[in-house]
N, C-alpha and C. Protein backbone atom coordinates (compact mmCIF):
# COMPACT_ATOMS: atom_id res chain seq x y z
N MET A 1 -1.25 0.47 -25.39
CA MET A 1 -0.27 -0.46 -24.87
C MET A 1 -1.00 -1.64 -24.24
N ASP A 2 -0.62 -2.83 -24.59
CA ASP A 2 -1.25 -4.05 -24.09
C ASP A 2 -0.44 -4.59 -22.90
N LEU A 3 -0.86 -4.21 -21.71
CA LEU A 3 -0.12 -4.61 -20.51
C LEU A 3 -0.39 -6.05 -20.08
N THR A 4 -1.23 -6.76 -20.83
CA THR A 4 -1.45 -8.17 -20.51
C THR A 4 -0.27 -9.02 -20.98
N ARG A 5 0.57 -8.47 -21.86
CA ARG A 5 1.73 -9.20 -22.39
C ARG A 5 2.97 -8.89 -21.56
N ASN A 6 3.69 -9.93 -21.18
CA ASN A 6 4.90 -9.79 -20.38
C ASN A 6 6.07 -9.49 -21.31
N THR A 7 6.30 -8.18 -21.54
CA THR A 7 7.43 -7.78 -22.37
C THR A 7 8.31 -6.81 -21.58
N LEU A 8 9.55 -6.70 -21.98
CA LEU A 8 10.48 -5.79 -21.32
C LEU A 8 9.97 -4.34 -21.44
N GLU A 9 9.38 -4.00 -22.58
CA GLU A 9 8.85 -2.66 -22.78
C GLU A 9 7.71 -2.37 -21.80
N ASN A 10 6.82 -3.35 -21.60
CA ASN A 10 5.71 -3.16 -20.67
C ASN A 10 6.22 -3.02 -19.24
N VAL A 11 7.18 -3.83 -18.87
CA VAL A 11 7.75 -3.76 -17.52
C VAL A 11 8.40 -2.39 -17.32
N ASP A 12 9.16 -1.95 -18.29
CA ASP A 12 9.82 -0.65 -18.20
C ASP A 12 8.79 0.47 -18.09
N TYR A 13 7.75 0.41 -18.90
CA TYR A 13 6.69 1.43 -18.86
C TYR A 13 6.05 1.49 -17.47
N MET A 14 5.67 0.34 -16.92
CA MET A 14 5.01 0.32 -15.63
C MET A 14 5.92 0.83 -14.52
N ILE A 15 7.18 0.45 -14.56
CA ILE A 15 8.13 0.93 -13.54
C ILE A 15 8.28 2.44 -13.63
N GLU A 16 8.43 2.96 -14.84
CA GLU A 16 8.59 4.41 -15.01
C GLU A 16 7.35 5.16 -14.51
N GLU A 17 6.17 4.63 -14.80
CA GLU A 17 4.94 5.28 -14.35
C GLU A 17 4.80 5.23 -12.83
N ILE A 18 5.17 4.11 -12.23
CA ILE A 18 5.13 3.98 -10.77
C ILE A 18 6.10 4.98 -10.15
N LYS A 19 7.30 5.08 -10.69
CA LYS A 19 8.31 6.01 -10.16
C LYS A 19 7.82 7.45 -10.26
N LYS A 20 7.21 7.80 -11.38
CA LYS A 20 6.69 9.16 -11.55
C LYS A 20 5.58 9.45 -10.55
N LYS A 21 4.66 8.52 -10.43
CA LYS A 21 3.50 8.73 -9.56
C LYS A 21 3.92 8.84 -8.10
N LEU A 22 4.87 8.04 -7.69
CA LEU A 22 5.32 8.05 -6.30
C LEU A 22 6.41 9.07 -6.04
N ARG A 23 6.90 9.70 -7.10
CA ARG A 23 8.00 10.67 -6.99
C ARG A 23 9.16 10.06 -6.23
N MET A 24 9.55 8.88 -6.68
CA MET A 24 10.59 8.12 -5.98
C MET A 24 11.96 8.71 -6.19
N ALA A 25 12.62 9.06 -5.10
CA ALA A 25 13.98 9.59 -5.17
C ALA A 25 14.98 8.50 -5.51
N THR A 26 14.68 7.27 -5.13
CA THR A 26 15.59 6.16 -5.38
C THR A 26 15.15 5.34 -6.59
N GLY A 27 14.50 5.99 -7.51
CA GLY A 27 13.97 5.31 -8.69
C GLY A 27 15.03 4.67 -9.56
N ALA A 28 16.25 5.13 -9.48
CA ALA A 28 17.31 4.55 -10.30
C ALA A 28 17.57 3.09 -9.93
N ALA A 29 17.22 2.71 -8.72
CA ALA A 29 17.44 1.33 -8.28
C ALA A 29 16.47 0.36 -8.94
N LEU A 30 15.39 0.88 -9.49
CA LEU A 30 14.39 0.03 -10.15
C LEU A 30 14.59 0.06 -11.65
N LYS A 31 14.88 -1.08 -12.21
CA LYS A 31 15.05 -1.19 -13.65
C LYS A 31 14.30 -2.42 -14.12
N ALA A 32 13.79 -2.36 -15.33
CA ALA A 32 13.00 -3.46 -15.88
C ALA A 32 13.80 -4.76 -15.90
N THR A 33 15.09 -4.68 -16.20
CA THR A 33 15.90 -5.89 -16.29
C THR A 33 16.20 -6.49 -14.92
N ALA A 34 15.94 -5.73 -13.85
CA ALA A 34 16.22 -6.24 -12.50
C ALA A 34 15.03 -6.97 -11.90
N LEU A 35 13.91 -6.99 -12.60
CA LEU A 35 12.72 -7.64 -12.05
C LEU A 35 12.58 -9.06 -12.54
N ASN A 36 11.99 -9.87 -11.69
CA ASN A 36 11.76 -11.28 -11.96
C ASN A 36 10.61 -11.43 -12.96
N ASP A 37 10.87 -12.06 -14.10
CA ASP A 37 9.84 -12.23 -15.14
C ASP A 37 8.63 -13.01 -14.65
N GLU A 38 8.84 -13.90 -13.71
CA GLU A 38 7.75 -14.76 -13.23
C GLU A 38 6.74 -13.99 -12.39
N GLN A 39 7.07 -12.77 -12.00
CA GLN A 39 6.17 -12.00 -11.14
C GLN A 39 5.58 -10.80 -11.87
N TYR A 40 5.39 -10.94 -13.16
CA TYR A 40 4.84 -9.87 -13.98
C TYR A 40 3.46 -9.45 -13.49
N GLU A 41 2.63 -10.41 -13.16
CA GLU A 41 1.26 -10.10 -12.71
C GLU A 41 1.29 -9.30 -11.41
N ASP A 42 2.24 -9.60 -10.53
CA ASP A 42 2.37 -8.83 -9.29
C ASP A 42 2.72 -7.37 -9.59
N LEU A 43 3.64 -7.17 -10.53
CA LEU A 43 4.02 -5.82 -10.93
C LEU A 43 2.81 -5.10 -11.52
N ARG A 44 2.08 -5.80 -12.36
CA ARG A 44 0.90 -5.19 -12.98
C ARG A 44 -0.14 -4.82 -11.92
N ASP A 45 -0.31 -5.64 -10.91
CA ASP A 45 -1.24 -5.32 -9.83
C ASP A 45 -0.81 -4.05 -9.10
N ILE A 46 0.49 -3.95 -8.82
CA ILE A 46 1.02 -2.75 -8.16
C ILE A 46 0.81 -1.53 -9.05
N PHE A 47 1.11 -1.68 -10.33
CA PHE A 47 0.93 -0.58 -11.29
C PHE A 47 -0.53 -0.11 -11.31
N GLU A 48 -1.47 -1.04 -11.38
CA GLU A 48 -2.88 -0.68 -11.45
C GLU A 48 -3.34 0.01 -10.16
N MET A 49 -2.86 -0.46 -9.02
CA MET A 49 -3.22 0.16 -7.75
C MET A 49 -2.64 1.58 -7.66
N VAL A 50 -1.38 1.73 -8.05
CA VAL A 50 -0.74 3.06 -8.01
C VAL A 50 -1.43 4.01 -8.98
N SER A 51 -1.80 3.51 -10.15
CA SER A 51 -2.45 4.35 -11.15
C SER A 51 -3.85 4.81 -10.72
N SER A 52 -4.48 4.04 -9.87
CA SER A 52 -5.86 4.34 -9.49
C SER A 52 -5.98 5.36 -8.35
N LYS A 53 -4.90 5.64 -7.65
CA LYS A 53 -4.96 6.55 -6.50
C LYS A 53 -4.34 7.90 -6.84
N PRO A 54 -4.95 8.97 -6.36
CA PRO A 54 -4.40 10.30 -6.66
C PRO A 54 -3.16 10.65 -5.84
N ASN A 55 -3.07 10.13 -4.61
CA ASN A 55 -1.88 10.40 -3.79
C ASN A 55 -1.71 9.30 -2.76
N PHE A 56 -0.54 9.33 -2.10
CA PHE A 56 -0.17 8.26 -1.18
C PHE A 56 0.43 8.82 0.09
N SER A 57 0.21 8.10 1.18
CA SER A 57 0.85 8.47 2.44
C SER A 57 2.28 7.93 2.42
N ILE A 58 3.07 8.39 3.35
CA ILE A 58 4.45 7.92 3.46
C ILE A 58 4.48 6.41 3.69
N SER A 59 3.60 5.93 4.57
CA SER A 59 3.59 4.49 4.86
C SER A 59 3.16 3.67 3.64
N GLU A 60 2.25 4.20 2.82
CA GLU A 60 1.87 3.51 1.59
C GLU A 60 3.03 3.44 0.61
N ILE A 61 3.77 4.53 0.48
CA ILE A 61 4.93 4.55 -0.41
C ILE A 61 5.97 3.54 0.07
N GLU A 62 6.19 3.48 1.37
CA GLU A 62 7.15 2.51 1.92
C GLU A 62 6.71 1.08 1.63
N ALA A 63 5.42 0.81 1.79
CA ALA A 63 4.90 -0.54 1.54
C ALA A 63 5.02 -0.91 0.05
N ILE A 64 4.73 0.03 -0.82
CA ILE A 64 4.84 -0.22 -2.27
C ILE A 64 6.30 -0.46 -2.64
N THR A 65 7.18 0.35 -2.10
CA THR A 65 8.61 0.20 -2.37
C THR A 65 9.11 -1.15 -1.89
N THR A 66 8.65 -1.58 -0.73
CA THR A 66 9.02 -2.89 -0.21
C THR A 66 8.55 -4.00 -1.14
N GLU A 67 7.33 -3.89 -1.62
CA GLU A 67 6.79 -4.90 -2.55
C GLU A 67 7.57 -4.92 -3.85
N LEU A 68 7.93 -3.76 -4.37
CA LEU A 68 8.73 -3.71 -5.60
C LEU A 68 10.09 -4.36 -5.38
N GLY A 69 10.67 -4.13 -4.21
CA GLY A 69 11.94 -4.76 -3.88
C GLY A 69 11.84 -6.27 -3.83
N ARG A 70 10.70 -6.76 -3.39
CA ARG A 70 10.48 -8.22 -3.33
C ARG A 70 10.43 -8.84 -4.72
N LEU A 71 10.06 -8.05 -5.71
CA LEU A 71 9.97 -8.56 -7.08
C LEU A 71 11.31 -8.65 -7.80
N ARG A 72 12.32 -8.02 -7.22
CA ARG A 72 13.64 -8.01 -7.87
C ARG A 72 14.25 -9.40 -7.90
N LYS A 73 15.06 -9.64 -8.93
CA LYS A 73 15.79 -10.92 -9.03
C LYS A 73 16.79 -11.01 -7.90
N VAL A 74 16.98 -12.19 -7.43
CA VAL A 74 17.94 -12.40 -6.33
C VAL A 74 19.33 -12.61 -6.91
């Protein structure tokens, strides 16, 4: 998968992987179509950071969730 390309499939893949890794209970609120296309690189940065760590503290999960919320379309 070429995550350098801003496609709906790539956004959906990254969101699903982030939700799985963080075991997000409110994952239904995050959908690929709800994210701002102009902030693809920010999403990719979050995805890469989440993918690189084996586990997260509660405060890290809250911070990541806040950042993902910031990427949503207004």
